[in-house]
Structures are given as structure tokens and as C-alpha cells.
Amino acid sequence: FPGGYMEAINFVDTTIRDGHQSLWAENMTTGMMLPIAKNLDDAGFEGIELISGSHLKKCVRDLKEDPWERVRLVSKLITKTPLRLIAGRVNTFEYNPPSMYRLFVERMFANGIKEARISDEWNDYEGWKFRVGECHRAGMKSILNLIYSVSPKHSDEYFALRTRQAASLHPYRLCLKDPGGLLTPERMDTLVPIILQNANAIPVELHTHCTTGLGPLCCIKGMELGIRSFNTALPPLADDTSNPSLFNVARNARALGYKTDIDEEILQPVSRHFTAIAKREGFTIGAPVEYDYSQYQHQVPGGMLSNLRFQLRKVGMEHRFPEALEETIKVREEFGFPIMVTPLSQFVGSQAAINVIVGERYKEVTDQVIKFALGHAGAEGARDMARNVKDKILDRARAKEWAKWTPDEPSPDEMRRRLGAEGTSDEELLLRWIIGKEDIDFMRANKRPLDYLNSEQPLVNLLQELSKRTKNRQIHVQTPNFSLTLEKRAGENG
């Protein structure tokens, strides 16, 4: 570096959002986050990802938590570092009325979220324009994703044009987003210069996954090509199908002669905390993976691979999983090479599974696939779909019903009326729209306690493990200053 000047490499943390979405099926509770929130805040990250639309459903239905409470509690502890929202689709597989999206980002900002990383699943200018406009109106900074994909239509010219379109919306940053872990160092060599040349001097972040094992190498290549900000996670929620490990990328940056403005010492307890939780709960501990070339052929995201296998297992056809992956490749081509991100990847993968299970291609289709063929999931999808496949999908009574549907733009008050939610708060209205009253009522009646007893409380862990032993009728624990006896009542069997 001329004159001894060392450039800094910066980081955005994804541990408590993409990390557990990728590896723990979104099962990290608020109680697991709160003890280490201060450490994350003090480490020197440029931003910390916290939540996305899909987490709202998971929080309420499975974790029995109020997601708005999560945002409020974490934002009280993380005060120096901007918290980030993933602001693509909110209600993932359904129509998103503009008023509901507007309300969603307004309430997220009001509760402490300062930045929004925004996607459109087609990298579509109109989709970007609406979302960026709403996030800016709410007061958030926007980070606009350029989603990477591999297909005949995702060429250098495609990315040059989309980068110019994205830059014209004046986001705070652009982000080269690689959800499938499909980037290679060689593709970085050709793609990153094109994005930087067309970004109109807007800084560019890299967000890649380690699904093919190449994530850390792509980060090194990104540094060499001029990217200065990287999205990383902390072990055990790094690697595998998650993002690269902060410790690995930072170490490589220093080896290349860069400085890293991050306090790694303060982050070690965070890794210890989550490793103890993973062992206790039986959650995945992320590890580097072997290179898998087939990922480039089917491009199915990691979380969806397990879902595809599950669909086949339910009907006793798990042995046909390789066939379903082959079918996914064909369906994606026939659907006009959609980017394999939510919800498009689910449309492709589900239809491939149905084709294999039924034994005849497109004999049965889902409502989502009919809507895809009609252009409800994006005009590009309907335009680029293979004509013979489109005709087969739309030649059925259900398709004729959906053809009559047109999206409307209800106000929040109209949505309240439709959902029977008169008199509720905006936050409650959003939950009703995304999840439904029954699940919300059940969550409120069975709310999870906020405290999560972690590895710093070994006695609690010991007692919990000992209580699982069915042979012992009595457990006695004694220390110089403490004595405790647990006794099994007669008639209890464990």
C-alpha cells in the first residue's frame, strides 16, 4: 500500500438473522439473543441484521413469541450499531398490498430498525423503486440487493443494466447478494468490476453463502477487486449453508495487508454462547463444506433442499430425491430461469416434486404456479415461460378462476375490516395479515418465557440433564454454601 496506508475492511453481522435462518431453521429465540446483544453492539460492525418478514410467522407459530417485542428489546440493547431489516416480500407467498408494506417498514423503523436491505426476486426496477421509496419515506437507509444467479439470461449485460437501474434510486449502498453460494472467484473477476463501474460510486457490499465451500475465497477476491464491506456470521452460525465466518474473513483480510475495524475479542463469548446453545438444543454447528458442483446445476437453496426431501419422504419417495433435483433443473428452464430465491425457488421446487410424485409432468399444479404463469409473481415470469408449459398450466378450470383476479390496493382500515381486526394496533394488524388471529391468540396464551438459561449457569444445565434420568428416584446436590434435593413423586415415571 503506497505510503504505508492500510485500507480497512468492514463487516455487517448476520448471526442473529441469516445465520439462524440458514442453519437453525429460524429457531433462535429472543432470549438467546439478549445476553450477547451488547457484545455485538460494541464490536464495531457497520450494521447488524435482526429480522425479516419470514421471521414474524416463525416467531408467532413455532417460538410462541411476539416479534415486535423482539425488535423493541434488541434495539434497547443495540444502540450504537444500526439494526437491519430484510425488506423484500413481507407476506412471502401472498399478494402484498402497498399499504401493508408501507405499514410494515413504518413500524419496524418506529421500533428501532434503522436500515433495510431490499430485494426484488426478479431484480426488477419497479419492485425496487416502490420498496426503496417506502423505506426512505419511513426514515430508513436502504441497501439494495443485486441478486446473483446463473443462467443464459443472467449475463454481464444483464448485471450492468440492473446495477445502473439500482444506482439510479440513490440507495445508501448496493449489495451483491449470492443466496445460493453460486459465486466463484473466477466469476467475481468478471462480475465485480462491472458492478463497481456501473454503481455510480455507491459503495458495494458482498453477501455470499458457503453452500459450495467457496464463500471465503469469494470474499478474498472481493477485497482484491475493491469491495470493502462483507456480510459475515459468527461460528457456530457461519459456514455450511450460512455466510462466511467473520474470524476467517478478518484473518484473511489482515494476511492480505488490510486492517479490520472489528473487536474480535469481544465476539469470542458470542460464539461460546451460541455453541453451548447448539449443543444443548441439538442445533446444527456450522462447518466448512466440500465443493459440490451439482449446486450450480439445480441452484436449489440449502433450506429448500431439506424441504424437497421432506415432501418426498411424506409420500414414501425419498429415494427419488436425485430425480426431483434433475426435474428442478428442467422446471426452472421452462419457467424462464427465475432466480432461485424465495418465493420463486419454492414454486420451482414444489412443482418439480409434484411432477415426480404424480408421474406426469404438469398434470397437477399448485395455485402459486398458476399465478406465476399469469404474471402475478412478476411479469418477467409469465413472459419468459415456455409456451407449451404455460398453455398446459393455464388449460384448467382453476386457472380460469385465477385469470379473473386483479390485485387491489386496500387501505389499512379496509384491511382491518377484512380481517375482523377493527380497533387493533398497526402491529397487531400486520400480524393478523401475515399469520392469522388463531395462531396469535395461541401464542399469547402460551407465551415463551423471555429468559434463556445459558451455559453460564452450569448448575441449571446439570439439574436439567440429571432430571432426565428415569432410573434415579432422588438427586442430591451439595456445595459448601448450597444444598438441593430433587425427589421423584410416587407414580411419576419421568
Protein backbone atom coordinates (compact mmCIF):
# COMPACT_ATOMS: atom_id res chain seq x y z
CA PHE A 1 0.00 0.00 0.00
CA PRO A 2 1.53 3.39 -1.03
CA GLY A 3 2.99 5.34 1.88
CA GLY A 4 2.12 2.54 4.30
CA TYR A 5 -1.61 3.39 4.23
CA MET A 6 -3.74 0.37 5.11
CA GLU A 7 -7.29 0.25 3.87
CA ALA A 8 -9.94 -1.02 6.28
CA ILE A 9 -12.23 -3.96 5.65
CA ASN A 10 -15.60 -3.61 7.38
CA PHE A 11 -18.28 -6.09 8.37
CA VAL A 12 -22.03 -6.43 8.72
CA ASP A 13 -23.14 -9.14 11.16
CA THR A 14 -25.74 -11.71 10.04
CA THR A 15 -25.53 -14.15 13.00
CA ILE A 16 -28.91 -13.38 14.59
CA ARG A 17 -30.75 -13.26 11.26
CA ASP A 18 -29.30 -15.14 8.28
CA GLY A 19 -27.12 -17.34 10.48
CA HIS A 20 -30.00 -18.99 12.28
CA GLN A 21 -32.27 -18.77 9.22
CA SER A 22 -29.72 -20.80 7.26
CA LEU A 23 -28.66 -23.30 9.92
CA TRP A 24 -31.25 -23.36 12.72
CA ALA A 25 -34.45 -23.05 10.64
CA GLU A 26 -35.10 -19.65 12.33
CA ASN A 27 -35.28 -21.30 15.77
CA MET A 28 -33.17 -18.74 17.65
CA THR A 29 -35.36 -17.19 20.34
CA THR A 30 -35.24 -13.63 21.61
CA GLY A 31 -33.95 -14.94 24.94
CA MET A 32 -30.96 -16.46 23.13
CA MET A 33 -30.15 -13.07 21.53
CA LEU A 34 -30.40 -10.72 24.51
CA PRO A 35 -27.38 -11.91 26.56
CA ILE A 36 -24.94 -11.22 23.69
CA ALA A 37 -26.59 -8.16 22.10
CA LYS A 38 -24.22 -5.74 23.89
CA ASN A 39 -21.17 -7.67 22.64
CA LEU A 40 -22.40 -7.38 19.04
CA ASP A 41 -23.06 -3.66 19.52
CA ASP A 42 -19.59 -2.97 20.94
CA ALA A 43 -17.65 -4.96 18.29
CA GLY A 44 -17.59 -2.28 15.57
CA PHE A 45 -19.94 -3.73 12.94
CA GLU A 46 -21.33 -1.40 10.28
CA GLY A 47 -24.76 -2.98 10.73
CA ILE A 48 -26.43 -5.94 12.47
CA GLU A 49 -29.19 -7.89 10.70
CA LEU A 50 -32.09 -8.74 13.01
CA ILE A 51 -35.30 -9.74 11.27
CA SER A 52 -37.18 -10.43 8.03
CA GLY A 53 -40.84 -10.97 7.13
CA SER A 54 -40.48 -14.76 7.38
CA HIS A 55 -39.31 -14.47 11.00
CA LEU A 56 -42.64 -12.95 12.05
CA LYS A 57 -44.52 -16.13 11.16
CA LYS A 58 -41.89 -18.36 12.77
CA CYS A 59 -41.83 -16.29 15.99
CA VAL A 60 -45.58 -16.50 16.50
CA ARG A 61 -46.35 -20.02 15.28
CA ASP A 62 -43.37 -22.04 16.45
CA LEU A 63 -41.46 -20.00 19.04
CA LYS A 64 -44.59 -18.55 20.73
CA GLU A 65 -43.03 -15.08 20.79
CA ASP A 66 -44.15 -11.60 19.76
CA PRO A 67 -41.71 -10.48 17.01
CA TRP A 68 -42.40 -6.80 17.75
CA GLU A 69 -41.22 -7.41 21.30
CA ARG A 70 -38.02 -8.94 19.86
CA VAL A 71 -37.30 -5.80 17.84
CA ARG A 72 -38.02 -3.50 20.79
CA LEU A 73 -35.90 -5.45 23.28
CA VAL A 74 -32.90 -5.90 20.98
CA SER A 75 -32.98 -2.25 19.87
CA LYS A 76 -32.82 -1.15 23.52
CA LEU A 77 -29.55 -3.08 23.91
CA ILE A 78 -28.03 -2.40 20.47
CA THR A 79 -27.87 1.39 20.34
CA LYS A 80 -24.60 2.25 18.54
CA THR A 81 -24.83 -0.08 15.54
CA PRO A 82 -27.70 0.27 13.03
CA LEU A 83 -30.10 -2.68 13.14
CA ARG A 84 -31.15 -4.03 9.74
CA LEU A 85 -34.41 -5.37 8.39
CA ILE A 86 -34.64 -7.66 5.35
CA ALA A 87 -37.35 -5.84 3.40
CA GLY A 88 -38.24 -7.88 0.34
CA ARG A 89 -41.64 -9.54 0.43
CA VAL A 90 -43.34 -9.35 3.81
CA ASN A 91 -46.08 -11.96 3.44
CA THR A 92 -43.86 -14.29 1.47
CA PHE A 93 -46.25 -16.29 -0.73
CA GLU A 94 -49.25 -13.98 -0.82
CA TYR A 95 -50.11 -10.69 -2.51
CA ASN A 96 -48.55 -7.76 -0.64
CA PRO A 97 -50.87 -4.70 -0.74
CA PRO A 98 -48.76 -1.50 -0.89
CA SER A 99 -50.41 -0.17 2.29
CA MET A 100 -49.31 -3.25 4.25
CA TYR A 101 -45.69 -2.97 3.07
CA ARG A 102 -45.73 0.73 4.00
CA LEU A 103 -47.09 -0.04 7.46
CA PHE A 104 -44.55 -2.84 7.96
CA VAL A 105 -41.49 -0.63 7.34
CA GLU A 106 -43.01 2.27 9.31
CA ARG A 107 -43.50 0.09 12.40
CA MET A 108 -40.06 -1.50 12.06
CA PHE A 109 -38.47 1.98 11.98
CA ALA A 110 -40.59 3.14 14.93
CA ASN A 111 -39.34 0.17 16.97
CA GLY A 112 -35.65 0.79 16.31
CA ILE A 113 -34.69 -0.60 12.86
CA LYS A 114 -32.56 1.96 11.02
CA GLU A 115 -31.61 0.18 7.77
CA ALA A 116 -33.40 -2.05 5.26
CA ARG A 117 -31.71 -4.48 2.89
CA ILE A 118 -34.14 -4.66 -0.01
CA SER A 119 -34.64 -7.38 -2.62
CA ASP A 120 -36.90 -7.90 -5.55
CA GLU A 121 -36.84 -11.58 -6.52
CA TRP A 122 -36.57 -10.64 -10.24
CA ASN A 123 -34.09 -7.75 -9.71
CA ASP A 124 -36.98 -5.72 -11.14
CA TYR A 125 -36.65 -1.92 -11.27
CA GLU A 126 -40.32 -1.20 -10.47
CA GLY A 127 -40.23 -3.55 -7.47
CA TRP A 128 -37.05 -1.87 -6.22
CA LYS A 129 -38.41 1.62 -6.80
CA PHE A 130 -41.52 1.02 -4.68
CA ARG A 131 -39.66 -0.62 -1.79
CA VAL A 132 -36.76 1.85 -1.70
CA GLY A 133 -39.27 4.73 -1.80
CA GLU A 134 -41.24 3.33 1.14
CA CYS A 135 -38.14 2.63 3.23
CA HIS A 136 -36.77 6.13 2.59
CA ARG A 137 -40.17 7.63 3.42
CA ALA A 138 -40.17 5.73 6.74
CA GLY A 139 -36.71 7.13 7.58
CA MET A 140 -34.56 4.07 6.88
CA LYS A 141 -31.36 3.87 4.87
CA SER A 142 -31.64 1.35 2.03
CA ILE A 143 -29.19 -1.31 0.93
CA LEU A 144 -30.35 -2.59 -2.46
CA ASN A 145 -29.63 -6.21 -3.38
CA LEU A 146 -28.40 -7.23 -6.82
CA ILE A 147 -29.23 -10.94 -6.61
CA TYR A 148 -26.74 -13.18 -8.38
CA SER A 149 -27.90 -16.10 -10.48
CA VAL A 150 -26.52 -18.42 -13.15
CA SER A 151 -28.47 -18.88 -16.39
CA PRO A 152 -28.25 -17.88 -20.07
CA LYS A 153 -30.08 -14.63 -19.31
CA HIS A 154 -28.02 -13.57 -16.27
CA SER A 155 -25.18 -12.18 -18.40
CA ASP A 156 -22.67 -9.36 -17.85
CA GLU A 157 -25.01 -7.05 -19.79
CA TYR A 158 -27.90 -8.03 -17.51
CA PHE A 159 -25.94 -7.12 -14.36
CA ALA A 160 -24.56 -3.89 -15.87
CA LEU A 161 -28.10 -2.71 -16.68
CA ARG A 162 -29.58 -3.76 -13.32
CA THR A 163 -26.70 -2.07 -11.44
CA ARG A 164 -27.36 1.20 -13.28
CA GLN A 165 -31.08 0.92 -12.54
CA ALA A 166 -30.40 0.19 -8.86
CA ALA A 167 -27.94 3.09 -8.54
CA SER A 168 -30.48 5.49 -10.10
CA LEU A 169 -32.67 5.00 -6.98
CA HIS A 170 -29.91 6.50 -4.76
CA PRO A 171 -29.68 3.77 -2.11
CA TYR A 172 -27.21 4.14 0.74
CA ARG A 173 -25.45 1.04 -0.59
CA LEU A 174 -25.69 -1.75 -3.15
CA CYS A 175 -25.19 -5.38 -2.16
CA LEU A 176 -24.06 -8.19 -4.44
CA LYS A 177 -26.25 -10.91 -2.92
CA ASP A 178 -25.45 -14.55 -3.61
CA PRO A 179 -28.09 -16.55 -1.69
CA GLY A 180 -27.24 -19.88 -3.32
CA GLY A 181 -23.48 -19.65 -2.76
CA LEU A 182 -23.03 -19.79 -6.54
CA LEU A 183 -20.31 -17.18 -6.97
CA THR A 184 -16.82 -18.41 -7.82
CA PRO A 185 -13.57 -16.43 -7.63
CA GLU A 186 -13.42 -16.58 -11.46
CA ARG A 187 -16.93 -15.11 -11.80
CA MET A 188 -16.06 -12.44 -9.23
CA ASP A 189 -13.18 -11.41 -11.52
CA THR A 190 -15.59 -10.60 -14.36
CA LEU A 191 -18.68 -9.50 -12.42
CA VAL A 192 -17.42 -7.22 -9.64
CA PRO A 193 -15.66 -4.73 -11.96
CA ILE A 194 -18.89 -4.43 -13.99
CA ILE A 195 -20.93 -3.73 -10.85
CA LEU A 196 -18.41 -1.21 -9.50
CA GLN A 197 -18.19 0.56 -12.87
CA ASN A 198 -21.98 0.94 -13.06
CA ALA A 199 -22.65 1.72 -9.38
CA ASN A 200 -22.17 5.48 -9.74
CA ALA A 201 -19.71 5.48 -6.79
CA ILE A 202 -22.29 3.94 -4.40
CA PRO A 203 -20.43 1.55 -2.05
CA VAL A 204 -20.99 -2.18 -2.69
CA GLU A 205 -21.23 -4.92 -0.06
CA LEU A 206 -20.81 -8.65 -0.64
CA HIS A 207 -23.33 -11.11 0.82
CA THR A 208 -22.46 -14.68 -0.11
CA HIS A 209 -23.12 -18.14 1.33
CA CYS A 210 -20.79 -21.10 1.83
CA THR A 211 -23.05 -23.74 0.22
CA THR A 212 -20.38 -24.73 -2.31
CA GLY A 213 -17.48 -24.03 0.05
CA LEU A 214 -16.30 -21.01 -1.96
CA GLY A 215 -17.72 -18.17 0.18
CA PRO A 216 -14.44 -17.30 1.98
CA LEU A 217 -12.49 -17.37 -1.32
CA CYS A 218 -15.05 -15.04 -2.92
CA CYS A 219 -14.55 -12.63 -0.01
CA ILE A 220 -10.79 -12.58 -0.62
CA LYS A 221 -11.38 -11.96 -4.32
CA GLY A 222 -13.88 -9.21 -3.43
CA MET A 223 -11.24 -7.40 -1.36
CA GLU A 224 -8.73 -7.60 -4.20
CA LEU A 225 -11.33 -6.16 -6.61
CA GLY A 226 -12.31 -3.20 -4.40
CA ILE A 227 -15.20 -4.32 -2.16
CA ARG A 228 -14.66 -3.06 1.40
CA SER A 229 -17.70 -4.36 3.27
CA PHE A 230 -18.63 -8.01 3.87
CA ASN A 231 -21.63 -9.74 5.42
CA THR A 232 -20.36 -12.41 7.83
CA ALA A 233 -21.68 -14.58 10.67
CA LEU A 234 -20.07 -15.83 13.86
CA PRO A 235 -19.40 -19.53 14.46
CA PRO A 236 -21.28 -21.81 15.08
CA LEU A 237 -23.75 -19.95 12.81
CA ALA A 238 -21.26 -19.46 9.97
CA ASP A 239 -20.15 -21.72 7.08
CA ASP A 240 -22.24 -24.61 5.73
CA THR A 241 -25.27 -23.01 4.01
CA SER A 242 -24.74 -19.82 6.05
CA ASN A 243 -22.43 -16.85 5.47
CA PRO A 244 -18.62 -16.92 5.82
CA SER A 245 -17.14 -16.74 9.32
CA LEU A 246 -16.15 -13.26 10.48
CA PHE A 247 -13.00 -14.66 12.12
CA ASN A 248 -11.88 -16.38 8.90
CA VAL A 249 -12.58 -13.40 6.59
CA ALA A 250 -10.96 -10.93 9.02
CA ARG A 251 -7.85 -13.11 9.36
CA ASN A 252 -7.57 -13.39 5.57
CA ALA A 253 -8.01 -9.62 5.20
CA ARG A 254 -5.10 -8.96 7.56
CA ALA A 255 -2.95 -11.53 5.75
CA LEU A 256 -3.62 -9.57 2.55
CA GLY A 257 -2.42 -6.33 4.21
CA TYR A 258 -5.73 -4.74 5.16
CA LYS A 259 -6.74 -3.61 8.62
CA THR A 260 -10.03 -4.74 10.17
CA ASP A 261 -12.02 -2.31 12.30
CA ILE A 262 -13.62 -5.00 14.43
CA ASP A 263 -13.04 -6.17 18.01
CA GLU A 264 -12.79 -9.94 17.69
CA GLU A 265 -12.02 -10.42 21.38
CA ILE A 266 -15.45 -9.16 22.43
CA LEU A 267 -17.06 -11.57 19.92
CA GLN A 268 -15.46 -14.76 21.26
CA PRO A 269 -18.03 -15.02 24.10
CA VAL A 270 -20.81 -14.72 21.48
CA SER A 271 -19.50 -17.81 19.69
CA ARG A 272 -19.16 -19.67 23.00
CA HIS A 273 -22.73 -18.70 23.94
CA PHE A 274 -24.24 -19.95 20.68
CA THR A 275 -22.10 -23.11 20.62
CA ALA A 276 -23.40 -24.04 24.08
CA ILE A 277 -26.98 -23.43 22.87
CA ALA A 278 -26.41 -25.55 19.73
CA LYS A 279 -25.12 -28.46 21.83
CA ARG A 280 -27.93 -28.15 24.35
CA GLU A 281 -30.74 -27.83 21.77
CA GLY A 282 -29.32 -30.21 19.16
CA PHE A 283 -28.97 -27.39 16.61
CA THR A 284 -26.53 -27.51 13.68
CA ILE A 285 -22.98 -26.35 14.30
CA GLY A 286 -21.83 -24.85 11.01
CA ALA A 287 -18.68 -26.29 9.47
CA PRO A 288 -16.92 -25.75 6.11
CA VAL A 289 -18.36 -27.95 3.35
CA GLU A 290 -16.88 -29.82 0.42
CA TYR A 291 -17.22 -28.33 -3.06
CA ASP A 292 -20.42 -29.51 -4.73
CA TYR A 293 -20.69 -28.86 -8.47
CA SER A 294 -24.33 -30.02 -8.69
CA GLN A 295 -25.33 -26.88 -6.75
CA TYR A 296 -24.66 -24.88 -9.95
CA GLN A 297 -26.97 -27.12 -11.94
CA HIS A 298 -30.09 -27.16 -9.75
CA GLN A 299 -29.34 -23.97 -7.73
CA VAL A 300 -31.82 -25.02 -5.03
CA PRO A 301 -31.06 -23.05 -1.82
CA GLY A 302 -29.92 -25.10 1.19
CA GLY A 303 -33.09 -24.74 3.27
CA MET A 304 -35.21 -25.81 0.32
CA LEU A 305 -33.19 -28.97 -0.31
CA SER A 306 -34.32 -30.32 3.07
CA ASN A 307 -37.92 -29.27 2.30
CA LEU A 308 -37.86 -31.08 -1.07
CA ARG A 309 -36.57 -34.23 0.63
CA PHE A 310 -39.31 -33.90 3.28
CA GLN A 311 -42.07 -33.59 0.62
CA LEU A 312 -40.87 -36.82 -1.00
CA ARG A 313 -40.46 -38.60 2.35
CA LYS A 314 -44.11 -37.88 3.24
CA VAL A 315 -45.25 -39.95 0.26
CA GLY A 316 -42.58 -42.65 0.65
CA MET A 317 -40.48 -41.44 -2.29
CA GLU A 318 -37.34 -40.10 -0.63
CA HIS A 319 -35.28 -42.47 -2.81
CA ARG A 320 -36.35 -40.34 -5.80
CA PHE A 321 -34.67 -37.20 -4.43
CA PRO A 322 -31.93 -37.16 -7.14
CA GLU A 323 -34.67 -37.42 -9.79
CA ALA A 324 -36.51 -34.48 -8.20
CA LEU A 325 -33.32 -32.39 -8.37
CA GLU A 326 -32.97 -33.24 -12.08
CA GLU A 327 -36.61 -32.26 -12.56
CA THR A 328 -35.92 -28.95 -10.78
CA ILE A 329 -33.35 -28.09 -13.46
CA LYS A 330 -35.93 -28.72 -16.23
CA VAL A 331 -38.74 -26.84 -14.48
CA ARG A 332 -36.52 -23.81 -13.85
CA GLU A 333 -35.61 -23.63 -17.54
CA GLU A 334 -39.29 -23.97 -18.56
CA PHE A 335 -40.25 -21.24 -16.07
CA GLY A 336 -37.86 -18.80 -17.80
CA PHE A 337 -34.83 -19.18 -15.48
CA PRO A 338 -36.18 -17.41 -12.37
CA ILE A 339 -33.59 -16.55 -9.73
CA MET A 340 -33.69 -19.33 -7.15
CA VAL A 341 -34.75 -17.20 -4.18
CA THR A 342 -37.93 -17.14 -2.09
CA PRO A 343 -40.67 -17.40 -3.28
CA LEU A 344 -39.58 -18.31 -6.85
CA SER A 345 -37.35 -21.20 -5.76
CA GLN A 346 -40.28 -22.73 -3.83
CA PHE A 347 -42.53 -22.50 -6.91
CA VAL A 348 -39.93 -24.34 -8.99
CA GLY A 349 -39.01 -26.92 -6.33
CA SER A 350 -42.61 -27.76 -5.36
CA GLN A 351 -43.65 -28.23 -8.98
CA ALA A 352 -40.64 -30.48 -9.62
CA ALA A 353 -41.62 -32.61 -6.61
CA ILE A 354 -45.25 -32.82 -7.82
CA ASN A 355 -44.12 -33.86 -11.32
CA VAL A 356 -42.04 -36.70 -9.84
CA ILE A 357 -44.71 -37.81 -7.34
CA VAL A 358 -47.60 -37.77 -9.84
CA GLY A 359 -45.54 -39.36 -12.60
CA GLU A 360 -46.79 -37.00 -15.32
CA ARG A 361 -45.34 -33.55 -15.83
CA TYR A 362 -47.72 -30.65 -15.01
CA LYS A 363 -50.74 -32.94 -14.66
CA GLU A 364 -51.24 -31.31 -11.26
CA VAL A 365 -50.10 -27.78 -10.40
CA THR A 366 -50.37 -25.53 -7.36
CA ASP A 367 -52.27 -22.23 -7.25
CA GLN A 368 -48.91 -20.46 -6.93
CA VAL A 369 -47.72 -21.96 -10.23
CA ILE A 370 -50.96 -20.90 -11.96
CA LYS A 371 -50.47 -17.38 -10.60
CA PHE A 372 -46.83 -17.49 -11.75
CA ALA A 373 -47.96 -18.36 -15.31
CA LEU A 374 -50.50 -15.50 -15.20
CA GLY A 375 -47.80 -12.98 -14.21
CA HIS A 376 -48.93 -12.46 -10.61
CA ALA A 377 -45.44 -13.32 -9.35
CA GLY A 378 -43.84 -10.89 -11.81
CA ALA A 379 -44.40 -10.04 -15.46
CA GLU A 380 -40.99 -11.47 -16.39
CA GLY A 381 -42.07 -14.93 -15.20
CA ALA A 382 -45.14 -15.05 -17.45
CA ARG A 383 -43.26 -13.52 -20.39
CA ASP A 384 -40.31 -15.96 -20.35
CA MET A 385 -42.18 -19.18 -19.54
CA ALA A 386 -42.01 -21.90 -22.21
CA ARG A 387 -45.18 -21.59 -24.31
CA ASN A 388 -46.15 -25.30 -24.25
CA VAL A 389 -45.76 -25.45 -20.45
CA LYS A 390 -47.68 -22.23 -19.94
CA ASP A 391 -50.55 -23.49 -22.11
CA LYS A 392 -50.70 -26.76 -20.16
CA ILE A 393 -50.76 -24.93 -16.80
CA LEU A 394 -53.47 -22.46 -17.86
CA ASP A 395 -55.71 -25.01 -19.60
CA ARG A 396 -57.73 -25.92 -16.50
CA ALA A 397 -60.76 -24.54 -14.66
CA ARG A 398 -58.76 -23.29 -11.66
CA ALA A 399 -56.57 -21.17 -13.95
CA LYS A 400 -59.65 -19.57 -15.49
CA GLU A 401 -60.80 -18.59 -11.98
CA TRP A 402 -57.45 -17.00 -11.15
CA ALA A 403 -57.36 -15.19 -14.51
CA LYS A 404 -60.32 -13.09 -13.32
CA TRP A 405 -58.47 -11.92 -10.17
CA THR A 406 -56.96 -8.45 -10.10
CA PRO A 407 -54.90 -7.04 -7.22
CA ASP A 408 -56.49 -4.18 -5.31
CA GLU A 409 -54.93 -1.60 -3.01
CA PRO A 410 -56.86 -1.69 0.27
CA SER A 411 -56.11 0.90 2.97
CA PRO A 412 -55.10 -0.26 6.47
CA ASP A 413 -58.65 0.44 7.66
CA GLU A 414 -60.08 -1.69 4.85
CA MET A 415 -57.63 -4.48 5.77
CA ARG A 416 -58.79 -4.21 9.39
CA ARG A 417 -62.37 -4.67 8.23
CA ARG A 418 -61.49 -7.69 6.05
CA LEU A 419 -59.53 -9.35 8.83
CA GLY A 420 -62.01 -8.57 11.60
CA ALA A 421 -59.31 -6.53 13.31
CA GLU A 422 -61.14 -3.26 14.00
CA GLY A 423 -59.68 -1.38 16.93
CA THR A 424 -56.32 -3.21 16.86
CA SER A 425 -52.88 -1.58 16.66
CA ASP A 426 -50.95 -1.36 13.41
CA GLU A 427 -48.55 -4.03 14.70
CA GLU A 428 -51.41 -6.38 15.56
CA LEU A 429 -52.97 -5.75 12.14
CA LEU A 430 -49.72 -6.75 10.40
CA LEU A 431 -49.55 -9.97 12.43
CA ARG A 432 -53.19 -10.76 11.58
CA TRP A 433 -52.46 -10.27 7.89
CA ILE A 434 -49.33 -12.43 7.88
CA ILE A 435 -50.26 -15.12 10.41
CA GLY A 436 -53.94 -15.08 11.36
CA LYS A 437 -55.82 -14.49 14.62
CA GLU A 438 -55.90 -18.10 15.82
CA ASP A 439 -52.11 -18.51 15.88
CA ILE A 440 -51.64 -15.09 17.53
CA ASP A 441 -54.17 -15.89 20.27
CA PHE A 442 -52.48 -19.26 20.88
CA MET A 443 -49.06 -17.55 21.09
CA ARG A 444 -50.36 -15.00 23.62
CA ALA A 445 -51.92 -17.76 25.76
CA ASN A 446 -48.71 -19.87 25.67
CA LYS A 447 -46.04 -17.17 25.57
CA ARG A 448 -42.46 -18.40 25.88
CA PRO A 449 -40.53 -17.02 28.88
CA LEU A 450 -38.00 -14.45 27.72
CA ASP A 451 -35.05 -15.71 29.76
CA TYR A 452 -32.91 -18.40 28.19
CA LEU A 453 -30.73 -20.17 30.75
CA ASN A 454 -27.39 -20.45 29.00
CA SER A 455 -24.06 -22.17 29.56
CA GLU A 456 -23.02 -19.53 32.11
CA GLN A 457 -25.40 -21.34 34.50
CA PRO A 458 -23.83 -24.83 34.68
CA LEU A 459 -25.84 -25.87 37.77
CA VAL A 460 -29.12 -25.29 35.94
CA ASN A 461 -27.83 -27.32 32.99
CA LEU A 462 -26.66 -30.11 35.30
CA LEU A 463 -30.02 -30.34 37.08
CA GLN A 464 -31.87 -30.30 33.78
CA GLU A 465 -29.79 -33.20 32.46
CA LEU A 466 -30.00 -35.17 35.72
CA SER A 467 -33.78 -34.78 35.84
CA LYS A 468 -34.00 -36.63 32.52
CA ARG A 469 -32.59 -39.81 34.10
CA THR A 470 -35.52 -42.11 34.71
CA LYS A 471 -33.76 -44.67 36.94
CA ASN A 472 -32.93 -42.25 39.78
CA ARG A 473 -35.64 -41.51 42.37
CA GLN A 474 -33.61 -38.87 44.19
CA ILE A 475 -30.91 -36.39 43.19
CA HIS A 476 -28.91 -34.57 45.88
CA VAL A 477 -26.55 -31.67 45.05
CA GLN A 478 -24.33 -30.15 47.75
CA THR A 479 -21.65 -27.44 47.75
CA PRO A 480 -20.11 -25.71 50.81
CA ASN A 481 -22.79 -23.00 50.71
CA PHE A 482 -25.66 -24.76 48.98
CA SER A 483 -27.75 -27.90 49.25
CA LEU A 484 -30.56 -29.12 46.98
CA THR A 485 -32.58 -32.34 46.84
CA LEU A 486 -34.85 -33.35 43.94
CA GLU A 487 -37.19 -36.26 44.61
CA LYS A 488 -39.50 -38.05 42.18
CA ARG A 489 -43.05 -38.40 43.49
CA ALA A 490 -44.67 -41.85 43.63
CA GLY A 491 -46.48 -42.65 40.39
CA GLU A 492 -44.29 -40.35 38.25
CA ASN A 493 -42.44 -42.15 35.50
CA GLY A 494 -40.04 -39.44 34.40
